[in-house]
Amino acid sequence: MPLSPLLQDVPTNEPVKVREPVRVAVDFQGEKIRPLAFVWHGRKYTVKRVSMVYKRQHGTGFWWCFAVSDEANSFILLYDPIKMSWVLEEVYAL
């Protein structure tokens, strides 16, 4: 799936810092969270692969970071377990 029209002119080898809230559909597998899809600027992106999951310190707490991809782009999604909110941190065009 192509990138949002906002990012079509961005070089593909450079990550784009987005830092925007997004809605994410997830699957809870026991204590694990797996993003399935997210909506950004009215467009749905289906997660085909989760390549990495890690924690990032944020103040006195932490965020869960998910490196995911659809068939055309890679994304970094951040989950704040305190606020129960998601942010699209970065986009990489493949």
Protein backbone atom coordinates (compact mmCIF):
# COMPACT_ATOMS: atom_id res chain seq x y z
CA MET A 1 0.00 0.00 0.00
CA PRO A 2 1.48 3.39 -0.88
CA LEU A 3 2.28 5.98 1.74
CA SER A 4 -0.11 8.67 2.77
CA PRO A 5 -0.14 11.54 0.23
CA LEU A 6 1.61 13.62 2.91
CA LEU A 7 4.75 11.50 2.52
CA GLN A 8 4.88 10.61 -1.17
CA ASP A 9 7.69 13.06 -1.96
CA VAL A 10 9.93 11.94 0.92
CA PRO A 11 13.13 10.07 -0.01
CA THR A 12 12.68 6.36 0.67
CA ASN A 13 16.00 5.92 2.48
CA GLU A 14 15.22 8.47 5.18
CA PRO A 15 12.88 7.85 8.13
CA VAL A 16 10.11 10.40 8.53
CA LYS A 17 9.37 11.53 12.09
CA VAL A 18 5.58 11.65 12.32
CA ARG A 19 4.73 11.63 16.06
CA GLU A 20 0.96 11.63 15.56
CA PRO A 21 -1.72 9.81 17.53
CA VAL A 22 -3.26 6.84 15.69
CA ARG A 23 -5.99 4.29 16.32
CA VAL A 24 -4.62 0.74 16.51
CA ALA A 25 -6.40 -2.62 16.41
CA VAL A 26 -4.52 -5.15 18.54
CA ASP A 27 -4.57 -8.80 19.49
CA PHE A 28 -3.80 -9.64 23.11
CA GLN A 29 -1.93 -12.95 23.24
CA GLY A 30 -1.69 -13.57 26.96
CA GLU A 31 0.51 -10.76 28.22
CA LYS A 32 1.73 -9.89 24.72
CA ILE A 33 0.25 -7.20 22.49
CA ARG A 34 0.36 -7.57 18.70
CA PRO A 35 -0.72 -4.64 16.49
CA LEU A 36 -2.94 -5.86 13.64
CA ALA A 37 -3.77 -2.60 11.84
CA PHE A 38 -3.85 1.15 12.41
CA VAL A 39 -5.59 4.19 10.95
CA TRP A 40 -3.55 7.22 10.00
CA HIS A 41 -5.11 10.24 8.25
CA GLY A 42 -8.23 8.21 7.49
CA ARG A 43 -6.33 5.39 5.78
CA LYS A 44 -6.08 1.87 7.20
CA TYR A 45 -2.67 0.17 7.22
CA THR A 46 -2.69 -3.59 7.84
CA VAL A 47 0.31 -4.90 9.78
CA LYS A 48 1.82 -7.84 7.90
CA ARG A 49 4.91 -8.24 10.08
CA VAL A 50 6.09 -7.27 13.55
CA SER A 51 9.87 -7.29 13.30
CA MET A 52 10.81 -5.98 16.75
CA VAL A 53 9.23 -5.14 20.11
CA TYR A 54 11.12 -3.24 22.80
CA LYS A 55 10.61 -0.88 25.74
CA ARG A 56 11.67 2.77 25.74
CA GLN A 57 12.04 4.80 28.93
CA HIS A 58 9.58 7.69 29.08
CA GLY A 59 9.72 9.83 32.23
CA THR A 60 9.21 7.54 35.22
CA GLY A 61 7.49 4.93 33.06
CA PHE A 62 8.03 3.37 29.66
CA TRP A 63 6.48 2.99 26.23
CA TRP A 64 6.25 -0.22 24.23
CA CYS A 65 7.75 0.24 20.76
CA PHE A 66 6.69 -1.89 17.81
CA ALA A 67 8.61 -1.98 14.53
CA VAL A 68 5.97 -3.13 12.03
CA SER A 69 5.48 -3.23 8.28
CA ASP A 70 2.79 -3.63 5.67
CA GLU A 71 3.79 -4.71 2.18
CA ALA A 72 5.10 -1.27 1.19
CA ASN A 73 6.25 0.62 4.31
CA SER A 74 7.78 0.19 7.75
CA PHE A 75 6.53 2.01 10.84
CA ILE A 76 7.41 2.55 14.47
CA LEU A 77 4.32 2.48 16.69
CA LEU A 78 4.54 3.53 20.35
CA TYR A 79 2.11 2.32 23.00
CA ASP A 80 1.77 4.18 26.31
CA PRO A 81 0.35 1.66 28.81
CA ILE A 82 -0.48 4.38 31.35
CA LYS A 83 -2.59 6.49 28.96
CA MET A 84 -3.54 3.45 26.85
CA SER A 85 -2.75 5.47 23.72
CA TRP A 86 -0.80 4.91 20.50
CA VAL A 87 1.50 7.19 18.50
CA LEU A 88 2.92 6.68 15.02
CA GLU A 89 6.53 7.69 15.65
CA GLU A 90 8.29 7.07 12.31
CA VAL A 91 7.63 5.91 8.76
CA TYR A 92 10.08 4.32 6.35
CA ALA A 93 9.09 3.84 2.69
CA LEU A 94 10.39 0.51 1.41
